[in-house]
PDB file of all heavy atoms in Angstrom:
ATOM      1  N   PRO A   1       0.785  -1.279   0.004  1.00  0.00           N
ATOM      2  CA  PRO A   1       0.001   0.017   0.011  1.00  0.00           C
ATOM      3  C   PRO A   1       0.837   1.338  -0.011  1.00  0.00           C
ATOM      4  O   PRO A   1       0.386   2.273  -0.601  1.00  0.00           O
ATOM      5  CB  PRO A   1      -0.843  -0.162   1.269  1.00  0.00           C
ATOM      6  CG  PRO A   1      -1.041  -1.614   1.436  1.00  0.00           C
ATOM      7  CD  PRO A   1       0.254  -2.223   0.956  1.00  0.00           C
ATOM      8  N   ASP A   2       1.933   1.274   0.725  1.00  0.00           N
ATOM      9  CA  ASP A   2       2.708   2.552   0.794  1.00  0.00           C
ATOM     10  C   ASP A   2       4.071   2.430   0.061  1.00  0.00           C
ATOM     11  O   ASP A   2       4.936   3.315   0.149  1.00  0.00           O
ATOM     12  CB  ASP A   2       2.915   3.093   2.181  1.00  0.00           C
ATOM     13  CG  ASP A   2       3.669   2.155   3.122  1.00  0.00           C
ATOM     14  OD1 ASP A   2       4.359   1.217   2.577  1.00  0.00           O
ATOM     15  OD2 ASP A   2       3.598   2.343   4.332  1.00  0.00           O
ATOM     16  N   GLY A   3       4.337   1.293  -0.619  1.00  0.00           N
ATOM     17  CA  GLY A   3       5.583   1.062  -1.326  1.00  0.00           C
ATOM     18  C   GLY A   3       6.751   0.529  -0.527  1.00  0.00           C
ATOM     19  O   GLY A   3       7.743   0.148  -1.101  1.00  0.00           O
ATOM     20  N   SER A   4       6.591   0.411   0.823  1.00  0.00           N
ATOM     21  CA  SER A   4       7.685  -0.071   1.652  1.00  0.00           C
ATOM     22  C   SER A   4       7.357  -1.474   2.086  1.00  0.00           C
ATOM     23  O   SER A   4       6.203  -1.867   2.078  1.00  0.00           O
ATOM     24  CB  SER A   4       7.911   0.867   2.839  1.00  0.00           C
ATOM     25  OG  SER A   4       6.864   0.880   3.725  1.00  0.00           O
ATOM     26  N   ALA A   5       8.444  -2.224   2.500  1.00  0.00           N
ATOM     27  CA  ALA A   5       8.227  -3.655   2.845  1.00  0.00           C
ATOM     28  C   ALA A   5       7.406  -3.737   4.096  1.00  0.00           C
ATOM     29  O   ALA A   5       7.440  -2.920   4.960  1.00  0.00           O
ATOM     30  CB  ALA A   5       9.621  -4.318   3.014  1.00  0.00           C
ATOM     31  N   ILE A   6       6.662  -4.810   4.234  1.00  0.00           N
ATOM     32  CA  ILE A   6       5.848  -5.153   5.392  1.00  0.00           C
ATOM     33  C   ILE A   6       6.391  -6.370   6.115  1.00  0.00           C
ATOM     34  O   ILE A   6       6.726  -7.337   5.552  1.00  0.00           O
ATOM     35  CB  ILE A   6       4.371  -5.444   4.921  1.00  0.00           C
ATOM     36  CG1 ILE A   6       3.770  -4.150   4.328  1.00  0.00           C
ATOM     37  CG2 ILE A   6       3.577  -5.895   6.066  1.00  0.00           C
ATOM     38  CD1 ILE A   6       2.366  -4.341   3.750  1.00  0.00           C
ATOM     39  N   ARG A   7       6.460  -6.179   7.437  1.00  0.00           N
ATOM     40  CA  ARG A   7       6.971  -7.230   8.291  1.00  0.00           C
ATOM     41  C   ARG A   7       6.127  -7.359   9.570  1.00  0.00           C
ATOM     42  O   ARG A   7       5.364  -6.436   9.940  1.00  0.00           O
ATOM     43  CB  ARG A   7       8.450  -6.944   8.788  1.00  0.00           C
ATOM     44  CG  ARG A   7       9.438  -6.849   7.587  1.00  0.00           C
ATOM     45  CD  ARG A   7       9.673  -8.279   6.963  1.00  0.00           C
ATOM     46  NE  ARG A   7      10.657  -8.204   5.882  1.00  0.00           N
ATOM     47  CZ  ARG A   7      10.383  -8.017   4.625  1.00  0.00           C
ATOM     48  NH1 ARG A   7       9.184  -7.841   4.235  1.00  0.00           N
ATOM     49  NH2 ARG A   7      11.366  -8.027   3.693  1.00  0.00           N
ATOM     50  N   ASP A   8       6.311  -8.478  10.229  1.00  0.00           N
ATOM     51  CA  ASP A   8       5.607  -8.749  11.443  1.00  0.00           C
ATOM     52  C   ASP A   8       6.633  -8.575  12.602  1.00  0.00           C
ATOM     53  O   ASP A   8       7.645  -9.305  12.658  1.00  0.00           O
ATOM     54  CB  ASP A   8       5.101 -10.237  11.483  1.00  0.00           C
ATOM     55  CG  ASP A   8       4.204 -10.562  12.607  1.00  0.00           C
ATOM     56  OD1 ASP A   8       4.203  -9.817  13.669  1.00  0.00           O
ATOM     57  OD2 ASP A   8       3.427 -11.535  12.541  1.00  0.00           O
ATOM     58  N   TYR A   9       6.413  -7.613  13.480  1.00  0.00           N
ATOM     59  CA  TYR A   9       7.271  -7.329  14.680  1.00  0.00           C
ATOM     60  C   TYR A   9       6.741  -7.923  15.892  1.00  0.00           C
ATOM     61  O   TYR A   9       5.590  -7.893  16.165  1.00  0.00           O
ATOM     62  CB  TYR A   9       7.521  -5.836  14.748  1.00  0.00           C
ATOM     63  CG  TYR A   9       8.170  -5.215  13.542  1.00  0.00           C
ATOM     64  CD1 TYR A   9       7.388  -4.811  12.452  1.00  0.00           C
ATOM     65  CD2 TYR A   9       9.563  -5.087  13.432  1.00  0.00           C
ATOM     66  CE1 TYR A   9       7.957  -4.213  11.337  1.00  0.00           C
ATOM     67  CE2 TYR A   9      10.092  -4.562  12.299  1.00  0.00           C
ATOM     68  CZ  TYR A   9       9.342  -4.102  11.239  1.00  0.00           C
ATOM     69  OH  TYR A   9       9.969  -3.581  10.181  1.00  0.00           O
ATOM     70  N   ILE A  10       7.681  -8.555  16.622  1.00  0.00           N
ATOM     71  CA  ILE A  10       7.302  -9.265  17.882  1.00  0.00           C
ATOM     72  C   ILE A  10       8.098  -8.810  19.065  1.00  0.00           C
ATOM     73  O   ILE A  10       9.344  -8.619  18.939  1.00  0.00           O
ATOM     74  CB  ILE A  10       7.411 -10.773  17.683  1.00  0.00           C
ATOM     75  CG1 ILE A  10       7.071 -11.553  18.951  1.00  0.00           C
ATOM     76  CG2 ILE A  10       8.821 -11.136  17.183  1.00  0.00           C
ATOM     77  CD1 ILE A  10       5.655 -11.602  19.191  1.00  0.00           C
ATOM     78  N   HIS A  11       7.471  -8.443  20.130  1.00  0.00           N
ATOM     79  CA  HIS A  11       8.153  -7.924  21.345  1.00  0.00           C
ATOM     80  C   HIS A  11       9.017  -9.002  21.973  1.00  0.00           C
ATOM     81  O   HIS A  11       8.561 -10.156  22.100  1.00  0.00           O
ATOM     82  CB  HIS A  11       7.169  -7.304  22.311  1.00  0.00           C
ATOM     83  CG  HIS A  11       7.776  -6.376  23.229  1.00  0.00           C
ATOM     84  ND1 HIS A  11       8.744  -6.650  24.260  1.00  0.00           N
ATOM     85  CD2 HIS A  11       7.571  -5.010  23.417  1.00  0.00           C
ATOM     86  CE1 HIS A  11       9.072  -5.636  24.936  1.00  0.00           C
ATOM     87  NE2 HIS A  11       8.398  -4.625  24.457  1.00  0.00           N
ATOM     88  N   VAL A  12      10.254  -8.626  22.390  1.00  0.00           N
ATOM     89  CA  VAL A  12      11.141  -9.583  23.050  1.00  0.00           C
ATOM     90  C   VAL A  12      10.572 -10.183  24.291  1.00  0.00           C
ATOM     91  O   VAL A  12      10.881 -11.320  24.637  1.00  0.00           O
ATOM     92  CB  VAL A  12      12.532  -8.901  23.316  1.00  0.00           C
ATOM     93  CG1 VAL A  12      13.231  -8.703  21.962  1.00  0.00           C
ATOM     94  CG2 VAL A  12      12.401  -7.670  24.142  1.00  0.00           C
ATOM     95  N   VAL A  13       9.693  -9.489  24.970  1.00  0.00           N
ATOM     96  CA  VAL A  13       9.043  -9.996  26.211  1.00  0.00           C
ATOM     97  C   VAL A  13       8.164 -11.149  25.820  1.00  0.00           C
ATOM     98  O   VAL A  13       8.112 -12.148  26.484  1.00  0.00           O
ATOM     99  CB  VAL A  13       8.380  -8.860  27.021  1.00  0.00           C
ATOM    100  CG1 VAL A  13       7.516  -9.462  28.069  1.00  0.00           C
ATOM    101  CG2 VAL A  13       9.322  -7.921  27.539  1.00  0.00           C
ATOM    102  N   ASP A  14       7.402 -11.004  24.722  1.00  0.00           N
ATOM    103  CA  ASP A  14       6.526 -12.063  24.170  1.00  0.00           C
ATOM    104  C   ASP A  14       7.381 -13.243  23.746  1.00  0.00           C
ATOM    105  O   ASP A  14       7.003 -14.379  23.976  1.00  0.00           O
ATOM    106  CB  ASP A  14       5.687 -11.512  23.082  1.00  0.00           C
ATOM    107  CG  ASP A  14       4.547 -10.609  23.527  1.00  0.00           C
ATOM    108  OD1 ASP A  14       4.009 -10.941  24.634  1.00  0.00           O
ATOM    109  OD2 ASP A  14       4.159  -9.715  22.810  1.00  0.00           O
ATOM    110  N   LEU A  15       8.469 -12.979  23.107  1.00  0.00           N
ATOM    111  CA  LEU A  15       9.426 -14.071  22.753  1.00  0.00           C
ATOM    112  C   LEU A  15       9.903 -14.887  23.965  1.00  0.00           C
ATOM    113  O   LEU A  15       9.934 -16.052  23.927  1.00  0.00           O
ATOM    114  CB  LEU A  15      10.599 -13.538  21.963  1.00  0.00           C
ATOM    115  CG  LEU A  15      10.418 -13.191  20.518  1.00  0.00           C
ATOM    116  CD1 LEU A  15      11.802 -12.566  19.943  1.00  0.00           C
ATOM    117  CD2 LEU A  15       9.970 -14.288  19.673  1.00  0.00           C
ATOM    118  N   ALA A  16      10.316 -14.106  24.972  1.00  0.00           N
ATOM    119  CA  ALA A  16      10.759 -14.786  26.171  1.00  0.00           C
ATOM    120  C   ALA A  16       9.672 -15.658  26.826  1.00  0.00           C
ATOM    121  O   ALA A  16       9.854 -16.811  27.184  1.00  0.00           O
ATOM    122  CB  ALA A  16      11.175 -13.762  27.223  1.00  0.00           C
ATOM    123  N   ASP A  17       8.404 -15.145  26.809  1.00  0.00           N
ATOM    124  CA  ASP A  17       7.294 -15.968  27.310  1.00  0.00           C
ATOM    125  C   ASP A  17       7.105 -17.206  26.515  1.00  0.00           C
ATOM    126  O   ASP A  17       6.831 -18.330  27.047  1.00  0.00           O
ATOM    127  CB  ASP A  17       6.056 -15.089  27.286  1.00  0.00           C
ATOM    128  CG  ASP A  17       4.789 -15.868  27.716  1.00  0.00           C
ATOM    129  OD1 ASP A  17       4.855 -16.595  28.738  1.00  0.00           O
ATOM    130  OD2 ASP A  17       3.708 -15.740  27.035  1.00  0.00           O
ATOM    131  N   ALA A  18       7.216 -17.154  25.160  1.00  0.00           N
ATOM    132  CA  ALA A  18       7.115 -18.293  24.332  1.00  0.00           C
ATOM    133  C   ALA A  18       8.181 -19.359  24.628  1.00  0.00           C
ATOM    134  O   ALA A  18       7.907 -20.558  24.591  1.00  0.00           O
ATOM    135  CB  ALA A  18       7.118 -17.893  22.848  1.00  0.00           C
ATOM    136  N   HIS A  19       9.405 -18.895  24.873  1.00  0.00           N
ATOM    137  CA  HIS A  19      10.439 -19.868  25.241  1.00  0.00           C
ATOM    138  C   HIS A  19      10.172 -20.594  26.476  1.00  0.00           C
ATOM    139  O   HIS A  19      10.439 -21.800  26.563  1.00  0.00           O
ATOM    140  CB  HIS A  19      11.847 -19.061  25.378  1.00  0.00           C
ATOM    141  CG  HIS A  19      12.427 -18.771  24.033  1.00  0.00           C
ATOM    142  ND1 HIS A  19      11.996 -17.762  23.260  1.00  0.00           N
ATOM    143  CD2 HIS A  19      13.511 -19.268  23.429  1.00  0.00           C
ATOM    144  CE1 HIS A  19      12.717 -17.692  22.148  1.00  0.00           C
ATOM    145  NE2 HIS A  19      13.682 -18.557  22.257  1.00  0.00           N
ATOM    146  N   VAL A  20       9.757 -19.882  27.486  1.00  0.00           N
ATOM    147  CA  VAL A  20       9.356 -20.566  28.759  1.00  0.00           C
ATOM    148  C   VAL A  20       8.286 -21.600  28.542  1.00  0.00           C
ATOM    149  O   VAL A  20       8.399 -22.699  29.054  1.00  0.00           O
ATOM    150  CB  VAL A  20       8.915 -19.517  29.830  1.00  0.00           C
ATOM    151  CG1 VAL A  20       8.395 -20.199  31.114  1.00  0.00           C
ATOM    152  CG2 VAL A  20      10.120 -18.604  30.217  1.00  0.00           C
ATOM    153  N   ARG A  21       7.291 -21.241  27.734  1.00  0.00           N
ATOM    154  CA  ARG A  21       6.228 -22.185  27.502  1.00  0.00           C
ATOM    155  C   ARG A  21       6.710 -23.335  26.709  1.00  0.00           C
ATOM    156  O   ARG A  21       6.274 -24.527  26.937  1.00  0.00           O
ATOM    157  CB  ARG A  21       5.058 -21.449  26.750  1.00  0.00           C
ATOM    158  CG  ARG A  21       4.311 -20.440  27.608  1.00  0.00           C
ATOM    159  CD  ARG A  21       3.366 -19.604  26.801  1.00  0.00           C
ATOM    160  NE  ARG A  21       2.699 -18.588  27.585  1.00  0.00           N
ATOM    161  CZ  ARG A  21       1.466 -18.705  28.031  1.00  0.00           C
ATOM    162  NH1 ARG A  21       0.806 -19.788  27.822  1.00  0.00           N
ATOM    163  NH2 ARG A  21       0.905 -17.738  28.764  1.00  0.00           N
ATOM    164  N   ALA A  22       7.633 -23.154  25.712  1.00  0.00           N
ATOM    165  CA  ALA A  22       8.166 -24.280  24.977  1.00  0.00           C
ATOM    166  C   ALA A  22       8.916 -25.184  25.875  1.00  0.00           C
ATOM    167  O   ALA A  22       8.810 -26.423  25.719  1.00  0.00           O
ATOM    168  CB  ALA A  22       9.050 -23.646  23.864  1.00  0.00           C
ATOM    169  N   LEU A  23       9.695 -24.644  26.797  1.00  0.00           N
ATOM    170  CA  LEU A  23      10.395 -25.527  27.720  1.00  0.00           C
ATOM    171  C   LEU A  23       9.464 -26.303  28.598  1.00  0.00           C
ATOM    172  O   LEU A  23       9.770 -27.473  28.844  1.00  0.00           O
ATOM    173  CB  LEU A  23      11.338 -24.619  28.634  1.00  0.00           C
ATOM    174  CG  LEU A  23      12.545 -24.033  27.903  1.00  0.00           C
ATOM    175  CD1 LEU A  23      13.221 -22.935  28.773  1.00  0.00           C
ATOM    176  CD2 LEU A  23      13.531 -25.123  27.519  1.00  0.00           C
ATOM    177  N   ASP A  24       8.417 -25.684  29.043  1.00  0.00           N
ATOM    178  CA  ASP A  24       7.415 -26.391  29.856  1.00  0.00           C
ATOM    179  C   ASP A  24       6.770 -27.600  29.024  1.00  0.00           C
ATOM    180  O   ASP A  24       6.604 -28.689  29.532  1.00  0.00           O
ATOM    181  CB  ASP A  24       6.337 -25.409  30.301  1.00  0.00           C
ATOM    182  CG  ASP A  24       6.769 -24.551  31.366  1.00  0.00           C
ATOM    183  OD1 ASP A  24       7.839 -24.785  31.962  1.00  0.00           O
ATOM    184  OD2 ASP A  24       6.158 -23.462  31.607  1.00  0.00           O
ATOM    185  N   VAL A  25       6.470 -27.292  27.763  1.00  0.00           N
ATOM    186  CA  VAL A  25       5.890 -28.319  26.956  1.00  0.00           C
ATOM    187  C   VAL A  25       6.886 -29.505  26.740  1.00  0.00           C
ATOM    188  O   VAL A  25       6.507 -30.697  26.826  1.00  0.00           O
ATOM    189  CB  VAL A  25       5.515 -27.771  25.520  1.00  0.00           C
ATOM    190  CG1 VAL A  25       5.134 -28.889  24.549  1.00  0.00           C
ATOM    191  CG2 VAL A  25       4.255 -26.892  25.691  1.00  0.00           C
ATOM    192  N   LEU A  26       8.144 -29.163  26.486  1.00  0.00           N
ATOM    193  CA  LEU A  26       9.184 -30.268  26.270  1.00  0.00           C
ATOM    194  C   LEU A  26       9.351 -30.995  27.575  1.00  0.00           C
ATOM    195  O   LEU A  26       9.544 -32.236  27.520  1.00  0.00           O
ATOM    196  CB  LEU A  26      10.435 -29.587  25.817  1.00  0.00           C
ATOM    197  CG  LEU A  26      10.470 -29.044  24.378  1.00  0.00           C
ATOM    198  CD1 LEU A  26      11.721 -28.323  24.068  1.00  0.00           C
ATOM    199  CD2 LEU A  26      10.302 -30.224  23.339  1.00  0.00           C
ATOM    200  N   ALA A  27       9.335 -30.333  28.714  1.00  0.00           N
ATOM    201  CA  ALA A  27       9.558 -30.995  29.998  1.00  0.00           C
ATOM    202  C   ALA A  27       8.424 -31.969  30.322  1.00  0.00           C
ATOM    203  O   ALA A  27       8.616 -33.028  30.959  1.00  0.00           O
ATOM    204  CB  ALA A  27       9.686 -29.988  31.102  1.00  0.00           C
ATOM    205  N   SER A  28       7.206 -31.693  29.835  1.00  0.00           N
ATOM    206  CA  SER A  28       6.128 -32.529  30.103  1.00  0.00           C
ATOM    207  C   SER A  28       5.974 -33.620  29.091  1.00  0.00           C
ATOM    208  O   SER A  28       5.118 -34.495  29.237  1.00  0.00           O
ATOM    209  CB  SER A  28       4.806 -31.708  30.176  1.00  0.00           C
ATOM    210  OG  SER A  28       4.526 -31.078  28.966  1.00  0.00           O
ATOM    211  N   ASP A  29       6.763 -33.529  27.968  1.00  0.00           N
ATOM    212  CA  ASP A  29       6.837 -34.542  27.000  1.00  0.00           C
ATOM    213  C   ASP A  29       5.466 -34.762  26.345  1.00  0.00           C
ATOM    214  O   ASP A  29       4.990 -35.855  26.086  1.00  0.00           O
ATOM    215  CB  ASP A  29       7.321 -35.918  27.527  1.00  0.00           C
ATOM    216  CG  ASP A  29       7.756 -36.862  26.474  1.00  0.00           C
ATOM    217  OD1 ASP A  29       8.057 -36.400  25.350  1.00  0.00           O
ATOM    218  OD2 ASP A  29       7.766 -38.071  26.720  1.00  0.00           O
ATOM    219  N   ARG A  30       4.808 -33.599  26.026  1.00  0.00           N
ATOM    220  CA  ARG A  30       3.467 -33.695  25.399  1.00  0.00           C
ATOM    221  C   ARG A  30       3.669 -33.646  23.891  1.00  0.00           C
ATOM    222  O   ARG A  30       4.493 -32.979  23.333  1.00  0.00           O
ATOM    223  CB  ARG A  30       2.581 -32.511  25.793  1.00  0.00           C
ATOM    224  CG  ARG A  30       2.293 -32.482  27.328  1.00  0.00           C
ATOM    225  CD  ARG A  30       1.087 -31.554  27.534  1.00  0.00           C
ATOM    226  NE  ARG A  30       1.369 -30.167  27.129  1.00  0.00           N
ATOM    227  CZ  ARG A  30       1.862 -29.280  28.017  1.00  0.00           C
ATOM    228  NH1 ARG A  30       2.101 -29.559  29.266  1.00  0.00           N
ATOM    229  NH2 ARG A  30       2.010 -28.008  27.569  1.00  0.00           N
ATOM    230  N   GLY A  31       2.900 -34.440  23.165  1.00  0.00           N
ATOM    231  CA  GLY A  31       2.879 -34.362  21.681  1.00  0.00           C
ATOM    232  C   GLY A  31       4.067 -35.062  21.085  1.00  0.00           C
ATOM    233  O   GLY A  31       4.768 -35.873  21.635  1.00  0.00           O
ATOM    234  N   SER A  32       4.293 -34.709  19.832  1.00  0.00           N
ATOM    235  CA  SER A  32       5.360 -35.329  19.016  1.00  0.00           C
ATOM    236  C   SER A  32       6.722 -34.796  19.435  1.00  0.00           C
ATOM    237  O   SER A  32       6.770 -33.829  20.256  1.00  0.00           O
ATOM    238  CB  SER A  32       5.111 -35.021  17.566  1.00  0.00           C
ATOM    239  OG  SER A  32       5.148 -33.641  17.275  1.00  0.00           O
ATOM    240  N   SER A  33       7.774 -35.428  18.906  1.00  0.00           N
ATOM    241  CA  SER A  33       9.156 -35.077  19.380  1.00  0.00           C
ATOM    242  C   SER A  33       9.732 -33.902  18.600  1.00  0.00           C
ATOM    243  O   SER A  33      10.790 -33.409  18.962  1.00  0.00           O
ATOM    244  CB  SER A  33       9.970 -36.276  19.243  1.00  0.00           C
ATOM    245  OG  SER A  33      10.094 -36.687  17.901  1.00  0.00           O
ATOM    246  N   LEU A  34       9.081 -33.404  17.551  1.00  0.00           N
ATOM    247  CA  LEU A  34       9.653 -32.457  16.693  1.00  0.00           C
ATOM    248  C   LEU A  34       8.582 -31.478  16.119  1.00  0.00           C
ATOM    249  O   LEU A  34       7.680 -31.940  15.422  1.00  0.00           O
ATOM    250  CB  LEU A  34      10.429 -33.086  15.502  1.00  0.00           C
ATOM    251  CG  LEU A  34      11.205 -32.163  14.591  1.00  0.00           C
ATOM    252  CD1 LEU A  34      12.336 -31.430  15.381  1.00  0.00           C
ATOM    253  CD2 LEU A  34      11.730 -32.898  13.448  1.00  0.00           C
TER     254      LEU A  34
END
């Protein structure tokens, strides 16, 4: 629309939260292995 590139920006605090949740999921061994 304005001629410049479009990207999805994500806050580092949200990224950190996702990492903690990913570790919790892996620790509980839920779902597939990959």
